[in-house]
Amino acid sequence: MNTNKKNTVSVGIYTRYGGPSLVSSVSSIRQARNGGELEIIIIADGKPITSEVKTELAKLNVKVIERKGLSGVISKIKDLVCLASGEIIILTQDDVCFADGAILEIEKVFQKNINVTMVASKITPAQPEKFFESILEIGSQLVQKIGQRWKSGDNYLLSNGRCSSFRTAAIRRFSFPEKIMNSDAYLYFINKKLGGGFVFAEKSIVFYRSPQTLKEHFNQSTRFQTSKIELSEYFGSRMLKNEYRIPSGIFVEETLKEFFRYPIRSAAYFAVSLYTRFKPRKAANVINPHWKVDESTKRYENYFQI
């Protein structure tokens, strides 16, 4: 281990929007380690970062790399991993808000068990502004509750691109196919394939805004619905068949709990789920690794009410 490293923790942010929400996210990240030393790197393409945002990021001591053209999430992650100087790298996005102490909780997990190479934070919806957001919150809660019970919390449901952390030495062994669409699940499975350990850090809380329109939610959800087929190319259908086999008992029990707790919102969520599952999709959009930006989650005037 290189003891000459300036930072023990690096944070890599990948974005294709580059708006003022970046400043809010970085500010929360700085606070999430309670003032401890932290390296923060941003790789951006798509919408240019304004001079005003760059000025604020400079005050926060952030290294910003802007690319021309578009690149996929995995391509940006690969470069962030190469650039990171910390022994731990936290990968995140530009539409999140880290709770106080969130990074310290990640570090505690790594320090407690040397065999852990990947840590997932608890990704929590911010206070909904619209009814549609509160509908999607049902789905987020359901996925997380099932994930925490299934396989003692060691499963792909808890791997979320809004905040995933790795031992830098371990993630540098990963392969990074640029055409991958669902990088969340891919990073979980490649970590497992290479013998890495995974832990869900429930006390490391990161907030996000849900899409505020059905169109944006549809664009997002269609990618995840095809991820099993996509990932079979890299991990084999036999492995993924077992990894995607959620116990029916846990699924039914948690679904009923959520329904009786929030019957109207739950019914609305299941209606939205059926719509996104059966609405025809353009094949070109589904296989395009350049995700369409959910701009409603990044509007600065709404950022961030917790």
C-alpha atoms as a PDB file:
ATOM      1  CA  MET A   1       0.000   0.000   0.000  1.00  0.00           C
ATOM      2  CA  ASN A   2       1.382   3.404  -0.977  1.00  0.00           C
ATOM      3  CA  THR A   3       1.828   5.449   2.202  1.00  0.00           C
ATOM      4  CA  ASN A   4       2.850   8.533   0.212  1.00  0.00           C
ATOM      5  CA  LYS A   5      -0.652   9.164  -1.086  1.00  0.00           C
ATOM      6  CA  LYS A   6      -1.945  12.608  -0.278  1.00  0.00           C
ATOM      7  CA  ASN A   7      -5.531  11.416   0.112  1.00  0.00           C
ATOM      8  CA  THR A   8      -6.924   8.218   1.553  1.00  0.00           C
ATOM      9  CA  VAL A   9     -10.358   8.904   0.050  1.00  0.00           C
ATOM     10  CA  SER A  10     -11.195  10.122  -3.450  1.00  0.00           C
ATOM     11  CA  VAL A  11     -14.652  11.012  -4.730  1.00  0.00           C
ATOM     12  CA  GLY A  12     -15.348  10.690  -8.442  1.00  0.00           C
ATOM     13  CA  ILE A  13     -18.388  12.449  -9.916  1.00  0.00           C
ATOM     14  CA  TYR A  14     -19.542  11.724 -13.455  1.00  0.00           C
ATOM     15  CA  THR A  15     -22.024  14.031 -15.147  1.00  0.00           C
ATOM     16  CA  ARG A  16     -23.546  14.952 -18.478  1.00  0.00           C
ATOM     17  CA  TYR A  17     -25.491  17.935 -17.172  1.00  0.00           C
ATOM     18  CA  GLY A  18     -22.996  20.218 -15.470  1.00  0.00           C
ATOM     19  CA  GLY A  19     -25.510  22.519 -13.798  1.00  0.00           C
ATOM     20  CA  PRO A  20     -25.547  24.260 -10.410  1.00  0.00           C
ATOM     21  CA  SER A  21     -26.609  21.019  -8.729  1.00  0.00           C
ATOM     22  CA  LEU A  22     -22.931  20.043  -8.955  1.00  0.00           C
ATOM     23  CA  VAL A  23     -22.062  22.721  -6.416  1.00  0.00           C
ATOM     24  CA  SER A  24     -24.731  21.507  -3.990  1.00  0.00           C
ATOM     25  CA  SER A  25     -23.550  17.913  -4.325  1.00  0.00           C
ATOM     26  CA  VAL A  26     -19.884  18.780  -3.807  1.00  0.00           C
ATOM     27  CA  SER A  27     -20.689  20.976  -0.791  1.00  0.00           C
ATOM     28  CA  SER A  28     -22.549  18.095   0.846  1.00  0.00           C
ATOM     29  CA  ILE A  29     -19.667  15.726   0.064  1.00  0.00           C
ATOM     30  CA  ARG A  30     -17.199  18.051   1.774  1.00  0.00           C
ATOM     31  CA  GLN A  31     -19.408  18.065   4.878  1.00  0.00           C
ATOM     32  CA  ALA A  32     -19.949  14.302   4.808  1.00  0.00           C
ATOM     33  CA  ARG A  33     -16.418  13.664   6.040  1.00  0.00           C
ATOM     34  CA  ASN A  34     -16.654  16.283   8.775  1.00  0.00           C
ATOM     35  CA  GLY A  35     -13.846  18.361   7.324  1.00  0.00           C
ATOM     36  CA  GLY A  36     -11.438  15.501   6.666  1.00  0.00           C
ATOM     37  CA  GLU A  37      -9.082  15.642   3.678  1.00  0.00           C
ATOM     38  CA  LEU A  38     -10.795  14.593   0.481  1.00  0.00           C
ATOM     39  CA  GLU A  39      -9.911  14.496  -3.199  1.00  0.00           C
ATOM     40  CA  ILE A  40     -12.839  15.292  -5.520  1.00  0.00           C
ATOM     41  CA  ILE A  41     -12.678  14.795  -9.291  1.00  0.00           C
ATOM     42  CA  ILE A  42     -15.438  15.573 -11.800  1.00  0.00           C
ATOM     43  CA  ILE A  43     -15.544  14.221 -15.346  1.00  0.00           C
ATOM     44  CA  ALA A  44     -18.165  15.981 -17.446  1.00  0.00           C
ATOM     45  CA  ASP A  45     -19.370  15.947 -21.030  1.00  0.00           C
ATOM     46  CA  GLY A  46     -22.625  16.890 -22.737  1.00  0.00           C
ATOM     47  CA  LYS A  47     -23.865  20.217 -21.414  1.00  0.00           C
ATOM     48  CA  PRO A  48     -20.882  22.531 -20.726  1.00  0.00           C
ATOM     49  CA  ILE A  49     -20.249  23.627 -17.158  1.00  0.00           C
ATOM     50  CA  THR A  50     -20.841  27.368 -16.831  1.00  0.00           C
ATOM     51  CA  SER A  51     -18.092  29.707 -15.670  1.00  0.00           C
ATOM     52  CA  GLU A  52     -20.128  30.527 -12.550  1.00  0.00           C
ATOM     53  CA  VAL A  53     -20.317  26.849 -11.578  1.00  0.00           C
ATOM     54  CA  LYS A  54     -16.606  26.379 -12.300  1.00  0.00           C
ATOM     55  CA  THR A  55     -15.777  29.297 -10.022  1.00  0.00           C
ATOM     56  CA  GLU A  56     -17.749  27.771  -7.159  1.00  0.00           C
ATOM     57  CA  LEU A  57     -16.182  24.345  -7.728  1.00  0.00           C
ATOM     58  CA  ALA A  58     -12.719  25.908  -7.652  1.00  0.00           C
ATOM     59  CA  LYS A  59     -13.514  27.360  -4.221  1.00  0.00           C
ATOM     60  CA  LEU A  60     -14.350  23.831  -3.105  1.00  0.00           C
ATOM     61  CA  ASN A  61     -11.004  22.541  -4.405  1.00  0.00           C
ATOM     62  CA  VAL A  62     -12.413  20.280  -7.108  1.00  0.00           C
ATOM     63  CA  LYS A  63     -10.542  18.992 -10.147  1.00  0.00           C
ATOM     64  CA  VAL A  64     -12.801  19.341 -13.203  1.00  0.00           C
ATOM     65  CA  ILE A  65     -12.196  17.513 -16.493  1.00  0.00           C
ATOM     66  CA  GLU A  66     -14.493  18.394 -19.390  1.00  0.00           C
ATOM     67  CA  ARG A  67     -14.744  16.214 -22.474  1.00  0.00           C
ATOM     68  CA  LYS A  68     -15.990  17.060 -25.921  1.00  0.00           C
ATOM     69  CA  GLY A  69     -18.697  14.814 -27.306  1.00  0.00           C
ATOM     70  CA  LEU A  70     -20.502  12.161 -25.295  1.00  0.00           C
ATOM     71  CA  SER A  71     -19.203   9.120 -23.442  1.00  0.00           C
ATOM     72  CA  GLY A  72     -20.959   6.434 -21.443  1.00  0.00           C
ATOM     73  CA  VAL A  73     -21.030   6.126 -17.662  1.00  0.00           C
ATOM     74  CA  ILE A  74     -18.562   3.239 -17.634  1.00  0.00           C
ATOM     75  CA  SER A  75     -16.053   5.228 -19.688  1.00  0.00           C
ATOM     76  CA  LYS A  76     -16.171   8.088 -17.179  1.00  0.00           C
ATOM     77  CA  ILE A  77     -15.884   5.679 -14.244  1.00  0.00           C
ATOM     78  CA  LYS A  78     -12.840   4.043 -15.802  1.00  0.00           C
ATOM     79  CA  ASP A  79     -11.060   7.379 -16.087  1.00  0.00           C
ATOM     80  CA  LEU A  80     -12.050   8.437 -12.566  1.00  0.00           C
ATOM     81  CA  VAL A  81     -10.571   5.216 -11.209  1.00  0.00           C
ATOM     82  CA  CYS A  82      -7.325   5.848 -13.076  1.00  0.00           C
ATOM     83  CA  LEU A  83      -7.088   9.419 -11.761  1.00  0.00           C
ATOM     84  CA  ALA A  84      -7.949   8.707  -8.115  1.00  0.00           C
ATOM     85  CA  SER A  85      -5.117   8.900  -5.604  1.00  0.00           C
ATOM     86  CA  GLY A  86      -7.057   7.640  -2.589  1.00  0.00           C
ATOM     87  CA  GLU A  87      -7.076   4.106  -1.256  1.00  0.00           C
ATOM     88  CA  ILE A  88     -10.876   4.304  -1.346  1.00  0.00           C
ATOM     89  CA  ILE A  89     -12.832   5.741  -4.258  1.00  0.00           C
ATOM     90  CA  ILE A  90     -16.447   6.826  -3.918  1.00  0.00           C
ATOM     91  CA  LEU A  91     -18.328   7.042  -7.230  1.00  0.00           C
ATOM     92  CA  THR A  92     -21.334   9.324  -7.323  1.00  0.00           C
ATOM     93  CA  GLN A  93     -23.398  11.689  -9.481  1.00  0.00           C
ATOM     94  CA  ASP A  94     -24.381  15.340  -9.680  1.00  0.00           C
ATOM     95  CA  ASP A  95     -27.931  15.038  -8.322  1.00  0.00           C
ATOM     96  CA  VAL A  96     -27.304  13.797  -4.788  1.00  0.00           C
ATOM     97  CA  CYS A  97     -26.855  15.219  -1.302  1.00  0.00           C
ATOM     98  CA  PHE A  98     -24.659  13.352   1.191  1.00  0.00           C
ATOM     99  CA  ALA A  99     -25.885  13.314   4.784  1.00  0.00           C
ATOM    100  CA  ASP A 100     -23.448  14.410   7.485  1.00  0.00           C
ATOM    101  CA  GLY A 101     -21.024  11.618   8.284  1.00  0.00           C
ATOM    102  CA  ALA A 102     -21.977   9.536   5.227  1.00  0.00           C
ATOM    103  CA  ILE A 103     -18.368   9.173   4.091  1.00  0.00           C
ATOM    104  CA  LEU A 104     -17.113   8.407   7.590  1.00  0.00           C
ATOM    105  CA  GLU A 105     -19.596   5.499   7.714  1.00  0.00           C
ATOM    106  CA  ILE A 106     -18.201   4.159   4.436  1.00  0.00           C
ATOM    107  CA  GLU A 107     -14.667   4.303   5.814  1.00  0.00           C
ATOM    108  CA  LYS A 108     -15.736   2.457   8.969  1.00  0.00           C
ATOM    109  CA  VAL A 109     -16.993  -0.483   6.892  1.00  0.00           C
ATOM    110  CA  PHE A 110     -13.739  -0.770   4.963  1.00  0.00           C
ATOM    111  CA  GLN A 111     -11.662  -0.479   8.133  1.00  0.00           C
ATOM    112  CA  LYS A 112     -13.704  -3.134   9.911  1.00  0.00           C
ATOM    113  CA  ASN A 113     -13.241  -5.841   7.260  1.00  0.00           C
ATOM    114  CA  ILE A 114     -10.228  -6.009   4.948  1.00  0.00           C
ATOM    115  CA  ASN A 115     -12.088  -8.441   2.667  1.00  0.00           C
ATOM    116  CA  VAL A 116     -14.747  -5.869   1.768  1.00  0.00           C
ATOM    117  CA  THR A 117     -13.995  -4.276  -1.606  1.00  0.00           C
ATOM    118  CA  MET A 118     -17.360  -2.637  -2.373  1.00  0.00           C
ATOM    119  CA  VAL A 119     -19.714  -0.653  -0.132  1.00  0.00           C
ATOM    120  CA  ALA A 120     -23.193   0.547  -1.075  1.00  0.00           C
ATOM    121  CA  SER A 121     -24.708   3.526   0.708  1.00  0.00           C
ATOM    122  CA  LYS A 122     -28.375   3.870   1.625  1.00  0.00           C
ATOM    123  CA  ILE A 123     -29.902   5.838  -1.257  1.00  0.00           C
ATOM    124  CA  THR A 124     -32.929   7.715   0.054  1.00  0.00           C
ATOM    125  CA  PRO A 125     -35.471   9.873  -1.825  1.00  0.00           C
ATOM    126  CA  ALA A 126     -35.610  13.515  -0.761  1.00  0.00           C
ATOM    127  CA  GLN A 127     -38.845  15.050   0.474  1.00  0.00           C
ATOM    128  CA  PRO A 128     -41.252  14.762  -2.506  1.00  0.00           C
ATOM    129  CA  GLU A 129     -42.387  17.991  -4.156  1.00  0.00           C
ATOM    130  CA  LYS A 130     -44.943  16.345  -6.405  1.00  0.00           C
ATOM    131  CA  PHE A 131     -47.324  13.422  -6.026  1.00  0.00           C
ATOM    132  CA  PHE A 132     -45.526  11.583  -8.815  1.00  0.00           C
ATOM    133  CA  GLU A 133     -42.304  11.661  -6.789  1.00  0.00           C
ATOM    134  CA  SER A 134     -44.126  10.165  -3.804  1.00  0.00           C
ATOM    135  CA  ILE A 135     -45.340   7.358  -6.072  1.00  0.00           C
ATOM    136  CA  LEU A 136     -41.799   6.499  -7.153  1.00  0.00           C
ATOM    137  CA  GLU A 137     -40.697   6.625  -3.522  1.00  0.00           C
ATOM    138  CA  ILE A 138     -42.788   3.491  -2.949  1.00  0.00           C
ATOM    139  CA  GLY A 139     -40.699   1.602  -5.488  1.00  0.00           C
ATOM    140  CA  SER A 140     -37.414   2.819  -4.008  1.00  0.00           C
ATOM    141  CA  GLN A 141     -38.433   1.775  -0.511  1.00  0.00           C
ATOM    142  CA  LEU A 142     -39.647  -1.604  -1.720  1.00  0.00           C
ATOM    143  CA  VAL A 143     -36.418  -2.395  -3.578  1.00  0.00           C
ATOM    144  CA  GLN A 144     -34.297  -1.411  -0.601  1.00  0.00           C
ATOM    145  CA  LYS A 145     -36.341  -3.379   1.941  1.00  0.00           C
ATOM    146  CA  ILE A 146     -36.262  -6.500  -0.208  1.00  0.00           C
ATOM    147  CA  GLY A 147     -32.549  -6.019  -0.816  1.00  0.00           C
ATOM    148  CA  GLN A 148     -31.775  -5.743   2.888  1.00  0.00           C
ATOM    149  CA  ARG A 149     -33.550  -9.039   3.654  1.00  0.00           C
ATOM    150  CA  TRP A 150     -32.370 -11.068   0.657  1.00  0.00           C
ATOM    151  CA  LYS A 151     -29.021 -12.874   1.056  1.00  0.00           C
ATOM    152  CA  SER A 152     -28.299 -10.828   4.183  1.00  0.00           C
ATOM    153  CA  GLY A 153     -28.059  -7.673   2.070  1.00  0.00           C
ATOM    154  CA  ASP A 154     -25.490  -9.020  -0.401  1.00  0.00           C
ATOM    155  CA  ASN A 155     -27.291  -8.642  -3.742  1.00  0.00           C
ATOM    156  CA  TYR A 156     -27.470  -6.396  -6.790  1.00  0.00           C
ATOM    157  CA  LEU A 157     -30.635  -4.599  -5.613  1.00  0.00           C
ATOM    158  CA  LEU A 158     -28.579  -2.557  -3.148  1.00  0.00           C
ATOM    159  CA  SER A 159     -25.947  -1.527  -5.681  1.00  0.00           C
ATOM    160  CA  ASN A 160     -26.797   2.002  -6.774  1.00  0.00           C
ATOM    161  CA  GLY A 161     -24.775   4.293  -9.019  1.00  0.00           C
ATOM    162  CA  ARG A 162     -25.708   7.347  -6.966  1.00  0.00           C
ATOM    163  CA  CYS A 163     -23.114   6.208  -4.433  1.00  0.00           C
ATOM    164  CA  SER A 164     -20.920   3.118  -4.669  1.00  0.00           C
ATOM    165  CA  SER A 165     -17.537   2.887  -2.964  1.00  0.00           C
ATOM    166  CA  PHE A 166     -14.549   0.649  -3.660  1.00  0.00           C
ATOM    167  CA  ARG A 167     -11.051  -0.108  -2.577  1.00  0.00           C
ATOM    168  CA  THR A 168      -9.189   1.575  -5.405  1.00  0.00           C
ATOM    169  CA  ALA A 169      -6.758  -1.318  -5.832  1.00  0.00           C
ATOM    170  CA  ALA A 170      -9.702  -3.706  -6.257  1.00  0.00           C
ATOM    171  CA  ILE A 171     -11.703  -1.675  -8.770  1.00  0.00           C
ATOM    172  CA  ARG A 172      -8.588  -1.170 -10.911  1.00  0.00           C
ATOM    173  CA  ARG A 173      -8.763  -4.906 -11.632  1.00  0.00           C
ATOM    174  CA  PHE A 174     -12.244  -4.521 -13.160  1.00  0.00           C
ATOM    175  CA  SER A 175     -12.874  -4.572 -16.896  1.00  0.00           C
ATOM    176  CA  PHE A 176     -14.921  -1.607 -18.150  1.00  0.00           C
ATOM    177  CA  PRO A 177     -16.953  -2.424 -21.296  1.00  0.00           C
ATOM    178  CA  GLU A 178     -18.031   0.969 -22.612  1.00  0.00           C
ATOM    179  CA  LYS A 179     -21.373  -0.187 -23.990  1.00  0.00           C
ATOM    180  CA  ILE A 180     -22.716  -1.249 -20.570  1.00  0.00           C
ATOM    181  CA  MET A 181     -26.000   0.521 -19.792  1.00  0.00           C
ATOM    182  CA  ASN A 182     -26.723  -0.655 -16.237  1.00  0.00           C
ATOM    183  CA  SER A 183     -23.415   0.112 -14.566  1.00  0.00           C
ATOM    184  CA  ASP A 184     -25.001  -0.263 -11.093  1.00  0.00           C
ATOM    185  CA  ALA A 185     -25.558  -4.016 -11.432  1.00  0.00           C
ATOM    186  CA  TYR A 186     -22.441  -4.529 -13.566  1.00  0.00           C
ATOM    187  CA  LEU A 187     -20.128  -3.166 -10.863  1.00  0.00           C
ATOM    188  CA  TYR A 188     -21.755  -5.422  -8.265  1.00  0.00           C
ATOM    189  CA  PHE A 189     -21.388  -8.541 -10.387  1.00  0.00           C
ATOM    190  CA  ILE A 190     -17.827  -7.895 -11.573  1.00  0.00           C
ATOM    191  CA  ASN A 191     -16.800  -7.249  -7.959  1.00  0.00           C
ATOM    192  CA  LYS A 192     -18.368 -10.571  -6.950  1.00  0.00           C
ATOM    193  CA  LYS A 193     -16.882 -12.432  -9.913  1.00  0.00           C
ATOM    194  CA  LEU A 194     -13.392 -11.305  -8.904  1.00  0.00           C
ATOM    195  CA  GLY A 195     -13.909 -12.508  -5.331  1.00  0.00           C
ATOM    196  CA  GLY A 196     -14.613  -9.145  -3.722  1.00  0.00           C
ATOM    197  CA  GLY A 197     -16.767  -8.635  -0.651  1.00  0.00           C
ATOM    198  CA  PHE A 198     -19.879  -6.420  -0.604  1.00  0.00           C
ATOM    199  CA  VAL A 199     -21.527  -4.602   2.307  1.00  0.00           C
ATOM    200  CA  PHE A 200     -24.576  -2.367   2.491  1.00  0.00           C
ATOM    201  CA  ALA A 201     -23.778   0.582   4.775  1.00  0.00           C
ATOM    202  CA  GLU A 202     -27.202   1.505   6.138  1.00  0.00           C
ATOM    203  CA  LYS A 203     -25.836   4.435   8.168  1.00  0.00           C
ATOM    204  CA  SER A 204     -24.213   6.033   5.120  1.00  0.00           C
ATOM    205  CA  ILE A 205     -27.164   8.006   3.763  1.00  0.00           C
ATOM    206  CA  VAL A 206     -27.260   9.772   0.401  1.00  0.00           C
ATOM    207  CA  PHE A 207     -30.349  11.680  -0.732  1.00  0.00           C
ATOM    208  CA  TYR A 208     -31.563  12.104  -4.311  1.00  0.00           C
ATOM    209  CA  ARG A 209     -34.510  13.594  -6.183  1.00  0.00           C
ATOM    210  CA  SER A 210     -36.833  11.235  -8.044  1.00  0.00           C
ATOM    211  CA  PRO A 211     -37.822  12.038 -11.642  1.00  0.00           C
ATOM    212  CA  GLN A 212     -40.766  14.412 -11.602  1.00  0.00           C
ATOM    213  CA  THR A 213     -42.326  13.290 -14.884  1.00  0.00           C
ATOM    214  CA  LEU A 214     -43.533   9.953 -16.219  1.00  0.00           C
ATOM    215  CA  LYS A 215     -41.488  10.437 -19.400  1.00  0.00           C
ATOM    216  CA  GLU A 216     -38.213  10.759 -17.482  1.00  0.00           C
ATOM    217  CA  HIS A 217     -39.060   7.771 -15.282  1.00  0.00           C
ATOM    218  CA  PHE A 218     -39.873   5.698 -18.368  1.00  0.00           C
ATOM    219  CA  ASN A 219     -36.543   6.594 -19.997  1.00  0.00           C
ATOM    220  CA  GLN A 220     -34.745   5.489 -16.864  1.00  0.00           C
ATOM    221  CA  SER A 221     -36.677   2.326 -16.048  1.00  0.00           C
ATOM    222  CA  THR A 222     -36.497   0.777 -19.517  1.00  0.00           C
ATOM    223  CA  ARG A 223     -32.730   0.426 -19.192  1.00  0.00           C
ATOM    224  CA  PHE A 224     -32.983  -1.591 -15.990  1.00  0.00           C
ATOM    225  CA  GLN A 225     -35.649  -3.895 -17.419  1.00  0.00           C
ATOM    226  CA  THR A 226     -33.208  -5.156 -20.065  1.00  0.00           C
ATOM    227  CA  SER A 227     -30.120  -5.312 -17.852  1.00  0.00           C
ATOM    228  CA  LYS A 228     -30.319  -9.061 -17.163  1.00  0.00           C
ATOM    229  CA  ILE A 229     -30.121  -9.819 -20.880  1.00  0.00           C
ATOM    230  CA  GLU A 230     -27.294  -7.332 -21.324  1.00  0.00           C
ATOM    231  CA  LEU A 231     -25.257  -8.609 -18.385  1.00  0.00           C
ATOM    232  CA  SER A 232     -25.643 -12.263 -19.420  1.00  0.00           C
ATOM    233  CA  GLU A 233     -23.040 -11.550 -22.097  1.00  0.00           C
ATOM    234  CA  TYR A 234     -20.466 -10.859 -19.387  1.00  0.00           C
ATOM    235  CA  PHE A 235     -21.452 -13.154 -16.535  1.00  0.00           C
ATOM    236  CA  GLY A 236     -23.397 -15.984 -18.149  1.00  0.00           C
ATOM    237  CA  SER A 237     -27.104 -16.690 -17.958  1.00  0.00           C
ATOM    238  CA  ARG A 238     -26.664 -19.465 -15.376  1.00  0.00           C
ATOM    239  CA  MET A 239     -25.031 -17.157 -12.814  1.00  0.00           C
ATOM    240  CA  LEU A 240     -27.529 -14.366 -13.368  1.00  0.00           C
ATOM    241  CA  LYS A 241     -30.494 -16.719 -13.183  1.00  0.00           C
ATOM    242  CA  ASN A 242     -29.632 -17.360  -9.541  1.00  0.00           C
ATOM    243  CA  GLU A 243     -28.610 -13.773  -8.814  1.00  0.00           C
ATOM    244  CA  TYR A 244     -31.914 -12.376 -10.112  1.00  0.00           C
ATOM    245  CA  ARG A 245     -34.089 -14.981  -8.377  1.00  0.00           C
ATOM    246  CA  ILE A 246     -35.678 -12.886  -5.625  1.00  0.00           C
ATOM    247  CA  PRO A 247     -37.437 -15.125  -3.042  1.00  0.00           C
ATOM    248  CA  SER A 248     -41.167 -14.873  -3.659  1.00  0.00           C
ATOM    249  CA  GLY A 249     -41.938 -14.926   0.065  1.00  0.00           C
ATOM    250  CA  ILE A 250     -39.826 -11.816   0.774  1.00  0.00           C
ATOM    251  CA  PHE A 251     -41.195 -10.062  -2.296  1.00  0.00           C
ATOM    252  CA  VAL A 252     -44.845 -10.726  -1.437  1.00  0.00           C
ATOM    253  CA  GLU A 253     -44.427  -9.894   2.255  1.00  0.00           C
ATOM    254  CA  GLU A 254     -42.686  -6.555   1.655  1.00  0.00           C
ATOM    255  CA  THR A 255     -45.092  -5.630  -1.141  1.00  0.00           C
ATOM    256  CA  LEU A 256     -48.111  -6.231   1.092  1.00  0.00           C
ATOM    257  CA  LYS A 257     -46.543  -4.249   3.932  1.00  0.00           C
ATOM    258  CA  GLU A 258     -45.995  -1.305   1.624  1.00  0.00           C
ATOM    259  CA  PHE A 259     -49.493  -1.560   0.183  1.00  0.00           C
ATOM    260  CA  PHE A 260     -51.218  -1.567   3.581  1.00  0.00           C
ATOM    261  CA  ARG A 261     -49.014   1.313   4.737  1.00  0.00           C
ATOM    262  CA  TYR A 262     -49.618   3.475   1.642  1.00  0.00           C
ATOM    263  CA  PRO A 263     -52.515   1.934  -0.364  1.00  0.00           C
ATOM    264  CA  ILE A 264     -53.164   4.799  -2.787  1.00  0.00           C
ATOM    265  CA  ARG A 265     -49.528   5.505  -3.619  1.00  0.00           C
ATOM    266  CA  SER A 266     -48.752   1.779  -3.855  1.00  0.00           C
ATOM    267  CA  ALA A 267     -51.608   1.175  -6.297  1.00  0.00           C
ATOM    268  CA  ALA A 268     -50.416   4.136  -8.358  1.00  0.00           C
ATOM    269  CA  TYR A 269     -46.848   2.827  -8.325  1.00  0.00           C
ATOM    270  CA  PHE A 270     -47.887  -0.605  -9.584  1.00  0.00           C
ATOM    271  CA  ALA A 271     -49.889   1.064 -12.363  1.00  0.00           C
ATOM    272  CA  VAL A 272     -46.799   3.068 -13.365  1.00  0.00           C
ATOM    273  CA  SER A 273     -44.703  -0.110 -13.244  1.00  0.00           C
ATOM    274  CA  LEU A 274     -47.076  -1.909 -15.591  1.00  0.00           C
ATOM    275  CA  TYR A 275     -46.982   1.057 -17.956  1.00  0.00           C
ATOM    276  CA  THR A 276     -43.188   1.158 -18.106  1.00  0.00           C
ATOM    277  CA  ARG A 277     -42.965  -2.603 -18.527  1.00  0.00           C
ATOM    278  CA  PHE A 278     -45.429  -2.981 -21.391  1.00  0.00           C
ATOM    279  CA  LYS A 279     -45.193   0.331 -23.248  1.00  0.00           C
ATOM    280  CA  PRO A 280     -43.373  -0.228 -26.568  1.00  0.00           C
ATOM    281  CA  ARG A 281     -39.748   0.911 -26.534  1.00  0.00           C
ATOM    282  CA  LYS A 282     -37.526   2.003 -29.364  1.00  0.00           C
ATOM    283  CA  ALA A 283     -34.703  -0.535 -29.634  1.00  0.00           C
ATOM    284  CA  ALA A 284     -32.189   2.178 -30.505  1.00  0.00           C
ATOM    285  CA  ASN A 285     -32.968   4.026 -27.293  1.00  0.00           C
ATOM    286  CA  VAL A 286     -32.774   0.923 -25.124  1.00  0.00           C
ATOM    287  CA  ILE A 287     -29.285  -0.089 -26.283  1.00  0.00           C
ATOM    288  CA  ASN A 288     -27.875   3.428 -26.348  1.00  0.00           C
ATOM    289  CA  PRO A 289     -25.301   3.676 -23.488  1.00  0.00           C
ATOM    290  CA  HIS A 290     -25.686   7.490 -23.420  1.00  0.00           C
ATOM    291  CA  TRP A 291     -28.523   7.903 -20.946  1.00  0.00           C
ATOM    292  CA  LYS A 292     -30.928  10.766 -21.454  1.00  0.00           C
ATOM    293  CA  VAL A 293     -30.467  13.296 -18.637  1.00  0.00           C
ATOM    294  CA  ASP A 294     -33.308  13.569 -16.118  1.00  0.00           C
ATOM    295  CA  GLU A 295     -33.259  17.350 -15.889  1.00  0.00           C
ATOM    296  CA  SER A 296     -36.118  17.584 -13.379  1.00  0.00           C
ATOM    297  CA  THR A 297     -33.891  15.908 -10.755  1.00  0.00           C
ATOM    298  CA  LYS A 298     -31.205  18.561 -11.180  1.00  0.00           C
ATOM    299  CA  ARG A 299     -33.148  21.819 -11.076  1.00  0.00           C
ATOM    300  CA  TYR A 300     -31.219  24.086  -8.764  1.00  0.00           C
ATOM    301  CA  GLU A 301     -34.263  25.883  -7.377  1.00  0.00           C
ATOM    302  CA  ASN A 302     -35.462  22.581  -5.909  1.00  0.00           C
ATOM    303  CA  TYR A 303     -32.090  21.518  -4.587  1.00  0.00           C
ATOM    304  CA  PHE A 304     -32.109  20.251  -1.870  1.00  0.00           C
ATOM    305  CA  GLN A 305     -35.019  19.904   0.534  1.00  0.00           C
ATOM    306  CA  ILE A 306     -34.439  17.060   2.945  1.00  0.00           C
END
